[in-house]
Amino acid sequence: MPTCYVEGFRKAYKIDPDIASNYIAHTTVADPEADAVIEKLATLDPTLSTQYINAAMDQDKDNLVGAPSILKDFFASINTVPDWVDFESLIPGIKMFHRNSRIVLAAFVGGVLVEGFSTNISKSFFITGRVRDTGVRRLKQNNRHMIEIFMPGGLLRDGDGWKLSVRVRLIHAQVRHLLNNSEDWDTEAWGVPLSAAHVGYSITAFSARLLQHMKSLGAKFTEEEGRSFLDIWRYSGLLMGIPETILFRTKEEALRIFEIGYLCEPDVDEDSIAMANSLVNSAPLVAGITEPKARHSLSTYVYSVSRALIGNELADDLMYPAQSTFGVLPWFRVQGHYNRLMGKLFPRLARQNNYTNFTGLMEVSEFDEEGISYRLPDHVHAERSTPW
């Protein structure tokens, strides 16, 4: 067991020994298949590696002729759709996502990403600087991935949601390769970088926990729509390399893994504090707001909504600014209703404010002119890596 988890595991084990033990076991589990692909690609010219990944994603057999067999075998193995995936049943979740799209990213940024960074998930991000130094592009890439998996047909083999999910898996493997070959990562204390435990935990946050935060912010959806929403994330999680031994099957299981996994994690530290606050302060830049006073106003607003979602105890641990949360969520819901009404009745008079800026983050995604980029980071520190 990585040493940082000893104390948390003792507490979690008393509540649910099976999930706690399984979670800790996965802190030393990486992604053997994807890791082996990355190890092989590391021996090739980076431009050639990118070309081979492009060809594999697009099933371009002509340009795959000279590719390593391990890469071709990897893609062949993930082409098969599991029996539990029913694409027709994903339609209600897709519709619900788009109906509530303006709320989704507010819940994502202000809720689940911050909660994720309060765990040791923050370590790899802090060391690499993937949010700290290149935060705007990373957040826009997150937006793009989420949008694409919730497009009709997005998770079919030729869909961009499928490709971006697999891209995440390969990037995780590449970052794991870089961290394992650096002096910055302490395996004995923290387990493997981007472990199966952390990716499995993240997918419970992006799905079941996100639904809870969305409801707090005023999202409306049926039980069928919520279940379909979870199924979309579950299949995307499988494509991202999460082993089924820690991949949730139901909403109840997802929330239980989220609860017990969090108990296993060590207390909030300076890395978590830095990452959570960087995330909140990146929101105005993602929204394209650069004027200092307007940036400060929106950051203050995001802090208040986030504090109301995650609770005062965690917000204080993350050193959020002191704020009252009284009435924050009801007022957010009122603003949502008002803005929707004004948008329908008087679209030309609909005005821009902190609510519209925050909830409009989903509309600001990373669409590279040349199409999806399958470039991989080539240095452990983001500021020294070739753009990807």
Protein backbone atom coordinates (compact mmCIF):
# COMPACT_ATOMS: atom_id res chain seq x y z
CA MET A 1 0.00 0.00 0.00
CA PRO A 2 1.37 3.45 -0.87
CA THR A 3 2.25 5.09 2.43
CA CYS A 4 0.03 8.16 2.00
CA TYR A 5 -3.10 5.97 2.02
CA VAL A 6 -2.52 4.08 5.29
CA GLU A 7 -4.45 6.42 7.56
CA GLY A 8 -7.36 7.00 5.18
CA PHE A 9 -7.68 3.31 4.42
CA ARG A 10 -8.14 2.50 8.11
CA LYS A 11 -11.13 4.87 8.30
CA ALA A 12 -12.63 3.73 5.01
CA TYR A 13 -12.19 0.02 5.80
CA LYS A 14 -14.44 0.34 8.85
CA ILE A 15 -17.27 1.61 6.65
CA ASP A 16 -16.89 -0.57 3.55
CA PRO A 17 -13.98 -3.01 3.63
CA ASP A 18 -14.59 -4.40 0.12
CA ILE A 19 -14.61 -1.09 -1.76
CA ALA A 20 -11.82 0.35 0.39
CA SER A 21 -9.57 -2.65 -0.26
CA ASN A 22 -10.37 -2.62 -3.97
CA TYR A 23 -9.65 1.10 -4.22
CA ILE A 24 -6.28 0.78 -2.51
CA ALA A 25 -5.36 -2.23 -4.66
CA HIS A 26 -5.93 -0.10 -7.77
CA THR A 27 -3.59 2.67 -6.60
CA THR A 28 -0.75 0.41 -7.81
CA VAL A 29 -2.50 -0.57 -11.07
CA ALA A 30 -1.61 1.33 -14.24
CA ASP A 31 -2.75 0.49 -17.80
CA PRO A 32 -0.49 -2.30 -19.09
CA GLU A 33 -1.87 -2.33 -22.64
CA ALA A 34 -1.67 1.42 -23.27
CA ASP A 35 1.62 1.70 -21.37
CA ALA A 36 3.20 -0.92 -23.64
CA VAL A 37 2.05 1.03 -26.71
CA ILE A 38 3.61 4.23 -25.37
CA GLU A 39 6.88 2.47 -24.53
CA LYS A 40 7.10 1.29 -28.13
CA LEU A 41 6.15 4.66 -29.61
CA ALA A 42 8.83 6.30 -27.46
CA THR A 43 11.46 4.58 -29.60
CA LEU A 44 10.14 6.23 -32.78
CA ASP A 45 10.33 9.76 -34.15
CA PRO A 46 7.49 11.79 -32.48
CA THR A 47 6.11 12.94 -35.85
CA LEU A 48 5.92 9.35 -37.04
CA SER A 49 4.26 8.25 -33.80
CA THR A 50 1.59 10.93 -34.23
CA GLN A 51 1.00 9.84 -37.82
CA TYR A 52 0.52 6.23 -36.73
CA ILE A 53 -1.92 7.23 -33.98
CA ASN A 54 -3.85 9.35 -36.50
CA ALA A 55 -4.02 6.41 -38.90
CA ALA A 56 -5.15 4.01 -36.17
CA MET A 57 -7.87 6.39 -34.98
CA ASP A 58 -9.16 6.87 -38.52
CA GLN A 59 -8.73 3.19 -39.47
CA ASP A 60 -6.49 4.29 -42.31
CA LYS A 61 -4.96 0.94 -43.27
CA ASP A 62 -2.66 2.39 -45.92
CA ASN A 63 -0.82 4.59 -43.42
CA LEU A 64 -0.78 1.83 -40.79
CA VAL A 65 1.35 -0.51 -42.87
CA GLY A 66 4.60 0.36 -41.12
CA ALA A 67 3.09 0.92 -37.66
CA PRO A 68 4.24 -1.25 -34.74
CA SER A 69 2.10 -4.37 -34.38
CA ILE A 70 1.49 -3.56 -30.72
CA LEU A 71 -0.30 -0.34 -31.75
CA LYS A 72 -2.46 -2.15 -34.31
CA ASP A 73 -3.28 -4.93 -31.83
CA PHE A 74 -4.21 -2.34 -29.18
CA PHE A 75 -6.76 -0.66 -31.44
CA ALA A 76 -8.10 -3.99 -32.64
CA SER A 77 -8.73 -4.99 -29.01
CA ILE A 78 -10.79 -1.88 -28.20
CA ASN A 79 -12.90 -1.94 -31.37
CA THR A 80 -15.25 -4.53 -29.88
CA VAL A 81 -18.26 -3.01 -28.13
CA PRO A 82 -19.13 -4.68 -24.78
CA ASP A 83 -22.48 -6.45 -24.49
CA TRP A 84 -23.66 -3.97 -21.86
CA VAL A 85 -23.46 -1.01 -24.26
CA ASP A 86 -26.82 -0.26 -25.93
CA PHE A 87 -26.46 2.80 -28.16
CA GLU A 88 -30.23 3.34 -28.39
CA SER A 89 -30.41 3.64 -24.59
CA LEU A 90 -27.88 6.48 -24.69
CA ILE A 91 -30.25 8.83 -26.52
CA PRO A 92 -32.15 10.06 -23.42
CA GLY A 93 -28.85 10.97 -21.73
CA ILE A 94 -27.71 12.85 -24.83
CA LYS A 95 -30.94 14.85 -24.94
CA MET A 96 -30.73 15.62 -21.23
CA PHE A 97 -27.13 16.80 -21.55
CA HIS A 98 -27.95 19.28 -24.31
CA ARG A 99 -31.08 20.49 -22.56
CA ASN A 100 -29.01 21.28 -19.44
CA SER A 101 -25.73 22.05 -21.18
CA ARG A 102 -25.34 25.53 -19.67
CA ILE A 103 -25.44 24.02 -16.18
CA VAL A 104 -23.19 21.05 -16.86
CA LEU A 105 -19.86 22.84 -16.88
CA ALA A 106 -20.76 25.04 -13.91
CA ALA A 107 -21.30 21.81 -11.95
CA PHE A 108 -18.17 20.32 -13.51
CA VAL A 109 -15.79 23.19 -12.73
CA GLY A 110 -17.34 24.38 -9.49
CA GLY A 111 -18.06 20.90 -8.14
CA VAL A 112 -16.48 17.69 -9.33
CA LEU A 113 -13.15 19.00 -10.66
CA VAL A 114 -12.49 20.86 -7.44
CA GLU A 115 -13.44 17.79 -5.40
CA GLY A 116 -11.12 15.70 -7.58
CA PHE A 117 -8.24 18.09 -7.00
CA SER A 118 -8.75 17.76 -3.24
CA THR A 119 -7.38 14.20 -3.58
CA ASN A 120 -3.98 12.96 -4.74
CA ILE A 121 -5.25 13.35 -8.29
CA SER A 122 -3.83 16.85 -7.95
CA LYS A 123 -0.25 15.47 -7.77
CA SER A 124 0.22 14.65 -11.44
CA PHE A 125 -1.48 17.87 -12.54
CA PHE A 126 0.61 20.00 -10.19
CA ILE A 127 3.92 18.39 -11.14
CA THR A 128 3.28 18.60 -14.87
CA GLY A 129 1.65 22.02 -14.74
CA ARG A 130 -1.16 20.84 -17.01
CA VAL A 131 -3.68 23.22 -15.43
CA ARG A 132 -1.37 25.68 -13.73
CA ASP A 133 0.56 26.72 -16.85
CA THR A 134 -1.67 25.58 -19.73
CA GLY A 135 -5.00 25.69 -17.94
CA VAL A 136 -7.11 27.41 -20.56
CA ARG A 137 -6.28 24.91 -23.32
CA ARG A 138 -6.66 21.92 -20.96
CA LEU A 139 -10.10 23.07 -19.80
CA LYS A 140 -11.20 23.71 -23.37
CA GLN A 141 -10.01 20.21 -24.30
CA ASN A 142 -12.05 18.80 -21.40
CA ASN A 143 -15.08 20.68 -22.73
CA ARG A 144 -14.53 19.29 -26.23
CA HIS A 145 -14.29 15.71 -24.95
CA MET A 146 -17.50 16.06 -22.96
CA ILE A 147 -19.39 17.63 -25.84
CA GLU A 148 -18.31 14.92 -28.27
CA ILE A 149 -19.28 11.93 -26.10
CA PHE A 150 -22.74 13.47 -25.78
CA MET A 151 -23.22 13.98 -29.51
CA PRO A 152 -25.51 11.49 -31.29
CA GLY A 153 -23.22 8.71 -32.51
CA GLY A 154 -20.27 10.24 -30.69
CA LEU A 155 -19.31 6.95 -29.04
CA LEU A 156 -19.59 4.89 -32.20
CA ARG A 157 -16.21 3.72 -33.56
CA ASP A 158 -15.94 6.61 -36.04
CA GLY A 159 -17.30 9.21 -33.62
CA ASP A 160 -15.16 11.97 -32.16
CA GLY A 161 -16.33 11.04 -28.65
CA TRP A 162 -14.82 7.57 -29.13
CA LYS A 163 -11.59 8.99 -30.49
CA LEU A 164 -11.22 11.63 -27.78
CA SER A 165 -11.86 9.04 -25.05
CA VAL A 166 -9.08 6.83 -26.44
CA ARG A 167 -6.91 9.94 -26.82
CA VAL A 168 -7.32 10.56 -23.08
CA ARG A 169 -6.15 6.99 -22.43
CA LEU A 170 -3.02 7.45 -24.52
CA ILE A 171 -2.24 10.82 -22.94
CA HIS A 172 -2.58 9.27 -19.47
CA ALA A 173 -0.15 6.54 -20.51
CA GLN A 174 2.29 9.10 -21.92
CA VAL A 175 2.15 11.26 -18.78
CA ARG A 176 2.62 8.12 -16.67
CA HIS A 177 5.68 7.27 -18.79
CA LEU A 178 7.11 10.76 -18.30
CA LEU A 179 6.46 10.82 -14.54
CA ASN A 180 7.91 7.34 -14.04
CA ASN A 181 11.08 8.54 -15.71
CA SER A 182 11.36 11.72 -13.67
CA GLU A 183 12.56 12.41 -10.14
CA ASP A 184 9.33 14.22 -9.25
CA TRP A 185 7.11 11.20 -8.65
CA ASP A 186 7.27 9.24 -5.37
CA THR A 187 5.85 5.79 -6.18
CA GLU A 188 6.37 4.44 -2.68
CA ALA A 189 4.28 7.24 -1.18
CA TRP A 190 1.67 7.81 -3.91
CA GLY A 191 1.38 4.61 -5.95
CA VAL A 192 1.58 4.66 -9.75
CA PRO A 193 0.93 7.94 -11.59
CA LEU A 194 -2.61 8.28 -12.94
CA SER A 195 -3.54 5.00 -11.32
CA ALA A 196 -6.63 2.94 -12.12
CA ALA A 197 -7.95 4.00 -8.70
CA HIS A 198 -7.80 7.67 -9.63
CA VAL A 199 -9.21 7.28 -13.13
CA GLY A 200 -11.97 5.05 -11.75
CA TYR A 201 -12.68 7.61 -9.03
CA SER A 202 -12.78 10.42 -11.60
CA ILE A 203 -15.39 8.70 -13.73
CA THR A 204 -17.71 8.36 -10.70
CA ALA A 205 -17.29 12.10 -10.16
CA PHE A 206 -17.95 12.95 -13.80
CA SER A 207 -21.12 10.87 -13.81
CA ALA A 208 -23.06 10.26 -10.58
CA ARG A 209 -21.54 13.06 -8.54
CA LEU A 210 -21.94 15.49 -11.43
CA LEU A 211 -25.66 14.65 -11.60
CA GLN A 212 -26.00 15.60 -7.92
CA HIS A 213 -24.34 18.96 -8.48
CA MET A 214 -26.36 19.59 -11.65
CA LYS A 215 -29.57 19.03 -9.71
CA SER A 216 -28.38 21.48 -7.03
CA LEU A 217 -27.91 24.08 -9.78
CA GLY A 218 -31.39 23.55 -11.21
CA ALA A 219 -31.02 20.86 -13.88
CA LYS A 220 -34.15 18.82 -14.62
CA PHE A 221 -34.01 15.19 -15.74
CA THR A 222 -35.89 11.93 -15.37
CA GLU A 223 -34.58 8.74 -13.82
CA GLU A 224 -34.22 7.22 -17.30
CA GLU A 225 -32.24 10.23 -18.50
CA GLY A 226 -29.97 10.10 -15.47
CA ARG A 227 -29.32 6.38 -15.99
CA SER A 228 -28.55 6.99 -19.66
CA PHE A 229 -26.19 9.84 -18.73
CA LEU A 230 -24.30 7.43 -16.46
CA ASP A 231 -24.09 4.79 -19.20
CA ILE A 232 -22.47 7.30 -21.57
CA TRP A 233 -19.79 8.10 -19.03
CA ARG A 234 -19.34 4.42 -18.18
CA TYR A 235 -18.56 3.47 -21.78
CA SER A 236 -16.32 6.52 -22.21
CA GLY A 237 -14.54 5.42 -19.02
CA LEU A 238 -13.94 1.97 -20.44
CA LEU A 239 -12.46 3.54 -23.57
CA MET A 240 -10.27 5.68 -21.31
CA GLY A 241 -8.75 2.49 -19.95
CA ILE A 242 -10.53 2.05 -16.63
CA PRO A 243 -10.52 -1.67 -15.77
CA GLU A 244 -13.94 -3.13 -15.13
CA THR A 245 -12.72 -4.17 -11.68
CA ILE A 246 -13.15 -0.54 -10.59
CA LEU A 247 -15.56 0.77 -13.23
CA PHE A 248 -18.97 1.49 -11.70
CA ARG A 249 -22.08 -0.35 -12.89
CA THR A 250 -24.89 1.60 -11.21
CA LYS A 251 -25.46 5.06 -9.78
CA GLU A 252 -25.41 3.64 -6.26
CA GLU A 253 -22.09 1.89 -6.85
CA ALA A 254 -20.60 5.03 -8.41
CA LEU A 255 -21.55 7.17 -5.44
CA ARG A 256 -20.21 4.53 -3.04
CA ILE A 257 -16.84 4.38 -4.83
CA PHE A 258 -16.75 8.19 -4.75
CA GLU A 259 -17.50 8.24 -1.01
CA ILE A 260 -15.12 5.47 0.07
CA GLY A 261 -12.38 6.45 -2.36
CA TYR A 262 -12.42 9.97 -0.95
CA LEU A 263 -12.06 8.61 2.58
CA CYS A 264 -9.02 6.60 1.47
CA GLU A 265 -7.32 9.73 0.13
CA PRO A 266 -4.93 11.76 2.30
CA ASP A 267 -5.87 15.18 3.65
CA VAL A 268 -5.83 18.25 1.42
CA ASP A 269 -2.29 19.54 0.92
CA GLU A 270 -0.61 22.46 -0.84
CA ASP A 271 -0.83 20.76 -4.25
CA SER A 272 -4.59 20.42 -3.92
CA ILE A 273 -4.92 24.01 -2.79
CA ALA A 274 -2.87 25.29 -5.72
CA MET A 275 -4.74 23.21 -8.29
CA ALA A 276 -8.26 23.99 -7.03
CA ASN A 277 -7.63 27.72 -6.93
CA SER A 278 -5.90 27.67 -10.32
CA LEU A 279 -8.97 25.97 -11.73
CA VAL A 280 -11.39 28.58 -10.39
CA ASN A 281 -9.20 31.45 -11.54
CA SER A 282 -8.87 29.91 -15.02
CA ALA A 283 -12.62 30.11 -15.58
CA PRO A 284 -12.66 33.79 -16.64
CA LEU A 285 -9.84 33.21 -19.12
CA VAL A 286 -11.65 30.22 -20.61
CA ALA A 287 -14.69 32.51 -21.00
CA GLY A 288 -12.47 35.04 -22.80
CA ILE A 289 -12.61 37.64 -20.02
CA THR A 290 -9.26 39.39 -19.62
CA GLU A 291 -10.16 42.76 -18.08
CA PRO A 292 -8.90 42.53 -14.44
CA LYS A 293 -12.03 43.85 -12.72
CA ALA A 294 -14.34 41.58 -14.72
CA ARG A 295 -12.03 38.59 -14.15
CA HIS A 296 -12.07 39.20 -10.40
CA SER A 297 -15.85 39.56 -10.39
CA LEU A 298 -16.40 36.27 -12.21
CA SER A 299 -13.81 34.42 -10.09
CA THR A 300 -15.56 35.66 -6.94
CA TYR A 301 -18.86 34.42 -8.32
CA VAL A 302 -17.41 31.01 -9.22
CA TYR A 303 -15.89 30.73 -5.73
CA SER A 304 -19.29 31.37 -4.14
CA VAL A 305 -21.08 28.77 -6.28
CA SER A 306 -18.28 26.26 -5.79
CA ARG A 307 -18.27 26.76 -2.02
CA ALA A 308 -22.02 26.17 -1.94
CA LEU A 309 -21.60 22.93 -3.93
CA ILE A 310 -18.63 21.38 -2.12
CA GLY A 311 -19.42 22.64 1.40
CA ASN A 312 -17.68 25.03 3.76
CA GLU A 313 -15.36 22.44 5.30
CA LEU A 314 -13.67 21.45 2.05
CA ALA A 315 -13.74 25.04 0.76
CA ASP A 316 -11.91 26.20 3.89
CA ASP A 317 -9.38 23.37 3.54
CA LEU A 318 -8.75 24.55 -0.03
CA MET A 319 -8.27 28.12 1.30
CA TYR A 320 -11.19 29.58 -0.62
CA PRO A 321 -12.00 33.23 0.16
CA ALA A 322 -14.36 33.55 3.11
CA GLN A 323 -17.93 33.90 1.79
CA SER A 324 -21.44 33.18 2.94
CA THR A 325 -23.27 30.47 1.00
CA PHE A 326 -26.70 31.54 2.24
CA GLY A 327 -29.07 31.62 -0.70
CA VAL A 328 -26.34 31.06 -3.32
CA LEU A 329 -27.82 27.96 -4.92
CA PRO A 330 -31.47 29.17 -4.87
CA TRP A 331 -30.33 32.46 -6.43
CA PHE A 332 -28.35 30.55 -9.09
CA ARG A 333 -31.50 28.61 -9.98
CA VAL A 334 -33.55 31.83 -10.12
CA GLN A 335 -30.95 33.39 -12.42
CA GLY A 336 -31.13 30.34 -14.65
CA HIS A 337 -34.90 30.57 -14.94
CA TYR A 338 -34.75 34.33 -15.58
CA ASN A 339 -32.07 34.06 -18.26
CA ARG A 340 -33.90 31.26 -20.06
CA LEU A 341 -37.12 33.29 -20.00
CA MET A 342 -35.45 36.48 -21.23
CA GLY A 343 -33.64 34.53 -23.94
CA LYS A 344 -36.98 33.26 -25.27
CA LEU A 345 -38.99 36.48 -24.94
CA PHE A 346 -36.36 39.14 -25.68
CA PRO A 347 -33.28 37.46 -27.18
CA ARG A 348 -31.75 40.78 -28.23
CA LEU A 349 -32.03 42.15 -24.72
CA ALA A 350 -30.55 39.09 -23.00
CA ARG A 351 -27.59 40.56 -21.17
CA GLN A 352 -24.21 39.19 -20.25
CA ASN A 353 -23.52 38.73 -16.54
CA ASN A 354 -21.58 36.44 -14.20
CA TYR A 355 -24.25 33.73 -14.50
CA THR A 356 -24.18 33.71 -18.31
CA ASN A 357 -20.38 33.87 -18.38
CA PHE A 358 -20.05 30.94 -15.99
CA THR A 359 -22.72 28.76 -17.56
CA GLY A 360 -21.48 29.67 -21.04
CA LEU A 361 -18.16 27.92 -20.46
CA MET A 362 -19.43 24.79 -22.20
CA GLU A 363 -19.70 26.77 -25.42
CA VAL A 364 -15.99 27.59 -25.32
CA SER A 365 -14.24 24.42 -26.42
CA GLU A 366 -10.96 23.59 -28.11
CA PHE A 367 -11.59 23.06 -31.81
CA ASP A 368 -8.22 23.03 -33.54
CA GLU A 369 -8.37 24.14 -37.16
CA GLU A 370 -6.49 21.06 -38.34
CA GLY A 371 -8.91 18.75 -36.51
CA ILE A 372 -8.38 16.67 -33.38
CA SER A 373 -4.75 16.67 -32.29
CA TYR A 374 -3.25 13.32 -31.35
CA ARG A 375 0.08 14.82 -30.39
CA LEU A 376 1.39 13.65 -27.03
CA PRO A 377 3.29 15.68 -24.42
CA ASP A 378 7.03 15.11 -24.79
CA HIS A 379 8.23 16.58 -21.50
CA VAL A 380 7.03 16.00 -17.95
CA HIS A 381 6.68 19.77 -17.40
CA ALA A 382 4.02 21.43 -19.53
CA GLU A 383 6.00 24.63 -20.06
CA ARG A 384 8.84 22.63 -21.66
CA SER A 385 6.66 20.34 -23.75
CA THR A 386 5.85 20.74 -27.42
CA PRO A 387 2.22 22.02 -27.68
CA TRP A 388 -0.26 19.15 -27.80
